[in-house]
C-alpha atoms as a PDB file:
ATOM      1  CA  MET A   1      -8.212  12.442  20.613  1.00  0.00           C
ATOM      2  CA  SER A   2     -10.344  13.574  17.684  1.00  0.00           C
ATOM      3  CA  ASN A   3      -7.198  13.862  15.542  1.00  0.00           C
ATOM      4  CA  TYR A   4      -6.361  10.205  16.151  1.00  0.00           C
ATOM      5  CA  VAL A   5      -9.907   9.157  15.312  1.00  0.00           C
ATOM      6  CA  ASP A   6      -9.951  11.209  12.115  1.00  0.00           C
ATOM      7  CA  LEU A   7      -6.503  10.008  10.987  1.00  0.00           C
ATOM      8  CA  ASP A   8      -7.475   6.405  11.730  1.00  0.00           C
ATOM      9  CA  LEU A   9     -10.736   6.765   9.780  1.00  0.00           C
ATOM     10  CA  HIS A  10      -8.912   8.050   6.698  1.00  0.00           C
ATOM     11  CA  SER A  11      -6.264   5.334   6.972  1.00  0.00           C
ATOM     12  CA  ARG A  12      -8.917   2.613   7.242  1.00  0.00           C
ATOM     13  CA  GLN A  13     -10.746   3.984   4.196  1.00  0.00           C
ATOM     14  CA  ALA A  14      -7.473   4.044   2.235  1.00  0.00           C
ATOM     15  CA  LEU A  15      -6.706   0.496   3.377  1.00  0.00           C
ATOM     16  CA  ASP A  16     -10.126  -0.678   2.173  1.00  0.00           C
ATOM     17  CA  LEU A  17      -9.481   0.773  -1.296  1.00  0.00           C
ATOM     18  CA  ILE A  18      -5.922  -0.577  -1.477  1.00  0.00           C
ATOM     19  CA  SER A  19      -6.929  -4.030  -0.215  1.00  0.00           C
ATOM     20  CA  ARG A  20      -9.677  -4.333  -2.815  1.00  0.00           C
ATOM     21  CA  GLU A  21      -7.234  -3.523  -5.612  1.00  0.00           C
ATOM     22  CA  VAL A  22      -4.424  -5.783  -4.378  1.00  0.00           C
ATOM     23  CA  ARG A  23      -6.721  -8.743  -3.700  1.00  0.00           C
ATOM     24  CA  GLY A  24      -8.288  -8.422  -7.151  1.00  0.00           C
ATOM     25  CA  ALA A  25      -4.953  -8.124  -8.947  1.00  0.00           C
ATOM     26  CA  THR A  26      -3.564 -10.943 -11.029  1.00  0.00           C
ATOM     27  CA  ALA A  27       0.034  -9.687 -10.838  1.00  0.00           C
ATOM     28  CA  VAL A  28       2.392  -6.979  -9.658  1.00  0.00           C
ATOM     29  CA  VAL A  29       4.017  -5.461 -12.749  1.00  0.00           C
ATOM     30  CA  ASP A  30       6.248  -2.768 -11.251  1.00  0.00           C
ATOM     31  CA  CYS A  31       7.405  -1.467  -7.902  1.00  0.00           C
ATOM     32  CA  ARG A  32       9.680   1.384  -6.872  1.00  0.00           C
ATOM     33  CA  THR A  33      10.475   1.897  -3.227  1.00  0.00           C
ATOM     34  CA  ASN A  34      13.018   4.695  -3.162  1.00  0.00           C
ATOM     35  CA  GLY A  35      13.103   8.316  -4.148  1.00  0.00           C
ATOM     36  CA  SER A  36      10.548  11.060  -3.622  1.00  0.00           C
ATOM     37  CA  VAL A  37       7.882   9.017  -5.425  1.00  0.00           C
ATOM     38  CA  SER A  38       7.423   5.357  -4.466  1.00  0.00           C
ATOM     39  CA  TYR A  39       4.785   3.181  -6.080  1.00  0.00           C
ATOM     40  CA  ILE A  40       3.435  -0.262  -6.842  1.00  0.00           C
ATOM     41  CA  THR A  41       1.660  -1.061 -10.107  1.00  0.00           C
ATOM     42  CA  LEU A  42      -0.780  -3.968 -10.307  1.00  0.00           C
ATOM     43  CA  THR A  43      -2.676  -5.498 -13.176  1.00  0.00           C
ATOM     44  CA  ASN A  44      -5.941  -7.374 -13.349  1.00  0.00           C
ATOM     45  CA  ALA A  45      -5.895  -9.511 -16.491  1.00  0.00           C
ATOM     46  CA  ASP A  46      -9.562 -10.428 -16.008  1.00  0.00           C
ATOM     47  CA  ASP A  47     -10.861  -6.882 -16.540  1.00  0.00           C
ATOM     48  CA  MET A  48      -7.788  -5.549 -18.406  1.00  0.00           C
ATOM     49  CA  THR A  49      -6.968  -2.799 -15.871  1.00  0.00           C
ATOM     50  CA  PHE A  50      -3.859  -1.407 -14.240  1.00  0.00           C
ATOM     51  CA  THR A  51      -3.771   0.146 -10.780  1.00  0.00           C
ATOM     52  CA  LYS A  52      -0.957   2.301  -9.472  1.00  0.00           C
ATOM     53  CA  ILE A  53      -0.660   3.187  -5.804  1.00  0.00           C
ATOM     54  CA  ALA A  54       1.877   5.991  -5.398  1.00  0.00           C
ATOM     55  CA  TRP A  55       3.323   7.956  -2.524  1.00  0.00           C
ATOM     56  CA  ASN A  56       4.682  11.444  -3.142  1.00  0.00           C
ATOM     57  CA  SER A  57       6.966  12.419  -0.256  1.00  0.00           C
ATOM     58  CA  ASP A  58       7.118  16.072  -1.303  1.00  0.00           C
ATOM     59  CA  ALA A  59       3.323  16.460  -1.292  1.00  0.00           C
ATOM     60  CA  ALA A  60       2.847  13.922   1.568  1.00  0.00           C
ATOM     61  CA  THR A  61       0.071  12.188  -0.384  1.00  0.00           C
ATOM     62  CA  LEU A  62      -0.842   8.612  -1.242  1.00  0.00           C
ATOM     63  CA  SER A  63      -2.789   8.331  -4.480  1.00  0.00           C
ATOM     64  CA  LEU A  64      -4.534   5.639  -6.471  1.00  0.00           C
ATOM     65  CA  GLN A  65      -4.772   5.600 -10.256  1.00  0.00           C
ATOM     66  CA  LYS A  66      -6.808   2.924 -12.030  1.00  0.00           C
ATOM     67  CA  THR A  67      -7.504   2.409 -15.712  1.00  0.00           C
ATOM     68  CA  GLY A  68     -10.752   4.161 -16.625  1.00  0.00           C
ATOM     69  CA  VAL A  69     -11.120   5.948 -13.273  1.00  0.00           C
ATOM     70  CA  PRO A  70      -9.956   9.512 -12.500  1.00  0.00           C
ATOM     71  CA  PRO A  71      -6.861   9.556 -10.231  1.00  0.00           C
ATOM     72  CA  MET A  72      -7.636  10.162  -6.566  1.00  0.00           C
ATOM     73  CA  VAL A  73      -5.675  11.166  -3.505  1.00  0.00           C
ATOM     74  CA  ILE A  74      -6.571   8.618  -0.836  1.00  0.00           C
ATOM     75  CA  LEU A  75      -4.391   9.971   1.990  1.00  0.00           C
ATOM     76  CA  THR A  76      -3.036  13.404   2.813  1.00  0.00           C
ATOM     77  CA  GLY A  77      -0.455  14.145   5.459  1.00  0.00           C
ATOM     78  CA  CYS A  78       1.205  10.822   4.609  1.00  0.00           C
ATOM     79  CA  ASP A  79       4.742  11.255   5.944  1.00  0.00           C
ATOM     80  CA  ARG A  80       5.995   7.748   5.172  1.00  0.00           C
ATOM     81  CA  TRP A  81       4.899   4.836   2.981  1.00  0.00           C
ATOM     82  CA  ARG A  82       6.791   1.570   2.522  1.00  0.00           C
ATOM     83  CA  VAL A  83       5.992  -1.519   0.519  1.00  0.00           C
ATOM     84  CA  TRP A  84       7.603  -4.974   0.576  1.00  0.00           C
ATOM     85  CA  LEU A  85       6.852  -7.842  -1.801  1.00  0.00           C
ATOM     86  CA  TYR A  86       6.916 -11.506  -0.793  1.00  0.00           C
ATOM     87  CA  ASN A  87       6.504 -14.764  -2.685  1.00  0.00           C
ATOM     88  CA  ARG A  88       4.024 -17.581  -2.410  1.00  0.00           C
ATOM     89  CA  ALA A  89       5.989 -20.180  -0.444  1.00  0.00           C
ATOM     90  CA  PRO A  90       6.091 -19.496   3.320  1.00  0.00           C
ATOM     91  CA  ASN A  91       8.789 -20.635   5.727  1.00  0.00           C
ATOM     92  CA  ILE A  92       7.255 -22.663   8.542  1.00  0.00           C
ATOM     93  CA  SER A  93       9.357 -23.206  11.644  1.00  0.00           C
ATOM     94  CA  GLY A  94       7.524 -24.411  14.727  1.00  0.00           C
ATOM     95  CA  ASN A  95       4.863 -21.788  15.426  1.00  0.00           C
ATOM     96  CA  THR A  96       6.500 -19.188  13.164  1.00  0.00           C
ATOM     97  CA  LEU A  97       5.365 -18.346   9.652  1.00  0.00           C
ATOM     98  CA  SER A  98       7.424 -16.011   7.459  1.00  0.00           C
ATOM     99  CA  PHE A  99       7.714 -15.237   3.770  1.00  0.00           C
ATOM    100  CA  ASN A 100      10.649 -14.755   1.407  1.00  0.00           C
ATOM    101  CA  THR A 101      11.260 -11.417  -0.271  1.00  0.00           C
ATOM    102  CA  VAL A 102      10.741 -11.651  -4.033  1.00  0.00           C
ATOM    103  CA  THR A 103      13.644 -11.444  -6.446  1.00  0.00           C
ATOM    104  CA  ASP A 104      11.365 -10.202  -9.237  1.00  0.00           C
ATOM    105  CA  VAL A 105       7.917  -8.600  -9.087  1.00  0.00           C
ATOM    106  CA  ALA A 106       6.333 -11.355 -11.191  1.00  0.00           C
ATOM    107  CA  SER A 107       6.696 -13.834  -8.312  1.00  0.00           C
ATOM    108  CA  CYS A 108       4.896 -11.604  -5.772  1.00  0.00           C
ATOM    109  CA  LYS A 109       1.970 -13.164  -3.909  1.00  0.00           C
ATOM    110  CA  LEU A 110       1.923 -11.043  -0.728  1.00  0.00           C
ATOM    111  CA  VAL A 111       2.156  -7.250  -0.454  1.00  0.00           C
ATOM    112  CA  ASN A 112       3.132  -5.730   2.886  1.00  0.00           C
ATOM    113  CA  MET A 113       2.509  -1.992   3.285  1.00  0.00           C
ATOM    114  CA  SER A 114       3.110   0.437   6.102  1.00  0.00           C
ATOM    115  CA  TRP A 115       2.418   4.149   6.327  1.00  0.00           C
ATOM    116  CA  LYS A 116       2.436   6.979   8.824  1.00  0.00           C
ATOM    117  CA  CYS A 117       0.165   9.992   8.622  1.00  0.00           C
ATOM    118  CA  SER A 118       0.255  13.119  10.732  1.00  0.00           C
ATOM    119  CA  ARG A 119      -1.241  16.547  11.111  1.00  0.00           C
ATOM    120  CA  THR A 120       0.296  19.817  12.013  1.00  0.00           C
ATOM    121  CA  ILE A 121      -1.539  21.684  14.750  1.00  0.00           C
ATOM    122  CA  LEU A 122      -0.333  25.173  15.524  1.00  0.00           C
ATOM    123  CA  GLY A 123       2.914  24.423  13.695  1.00  0.00           C
ATOM    124  CA  SER A 124       3.672  21.195  15.563  1.00  0.00           C
ATOM    125  CA  LYS A 125       3.139  17.489  14.783  1.00  0.00           C
ATOM    126  CA  LEU A 126       2.955  16.486  18.434  1.00  0.00           C
ATOM    127  CA  ASN A 127       0.487  13.696  19.302  1.00  0.00           C
ATOM    128  CA  THR A 128      -1.152  13.728  15.892  1.00  0.00           C
ATOM    129  CA  GLU A 129       0.098  10.699  14.020  1.00  0.00           C
ATOM    130  CA  SER A 130      -1.301   7.348  13.001  1.00  0.00           C
ATOM    131  CA  VAL A 131       0.701   4.323  11.822  1.00  0.00           C
ATOM    132  CA  GLN A 132      -0.929   1.569   9.759  1.00  0.00           C
ATOM    133  CA  THR A 133       0.435  -1.762   8.509  1.00  0.00           C
ATOM    134  CA  ALA A 134      -1.226  -4.378   6.316  1.00  0.00           C
ATOM    135  CA  GLN A 135      -0.319  -7.643   4.624  1.00  0.00           C
ATOM    136  CA  ILE A 136      -2.503  -8.314   1.591  1.00  0.00           C
ATOM    137  CA  VAL A 137      -2.547 -11.457  -0.557  1.00  0.00           C
ATOM    138  CA  LEU A 138      -3.135 -11.345  -4.311  1.00  0.00           C
ATOM    139  CA  ARG A 139      -6.118 -13.710  -4.463  1.00  0.00           C
ATOM    140  CA  ASN A 140      -6.333 -13.818  -8.264  1.00  0.00           C
ATOM    141  CA  LYS A 141      -2.608 -14.315  -8.847  1.00  0.00           C
ATOM    142  CA  VAL A 142      -1.937 -16.024 -12.160  1.00  0.00           C
ATOM    143  CA  ASN A 143       0.690 -18.741 -11.668  1.00  0.00           C
END
């Protein structure tokens, strides 16, 4: 049980950092979602910074790099990380709300992320994983 609590704590702390950066961003400038290194790069035109959130599958780490701040690993034991980008205009059908996948990163308004972290205990990853998902809106998006 303590493994779940610890994994969840680290995931929530990472989500807090990521959410702050995505919400403060004015645009998504780059995104790569395949290969051993996947990432999303954001910019904040107001304070002239870039933020890159990157997953390294070989090292099982999720890191955050921001202009003027030393790079930091925000999650270890990160077995999977996925990111999807959606545009501003939702589809409303009855009680259902959905978003359209972007055709280019410049039109992104909503970032959906999902990751899975685990620990190895005595050589096994049994009952030691935590899955997190978040949808975050770029609040400062420049139209």
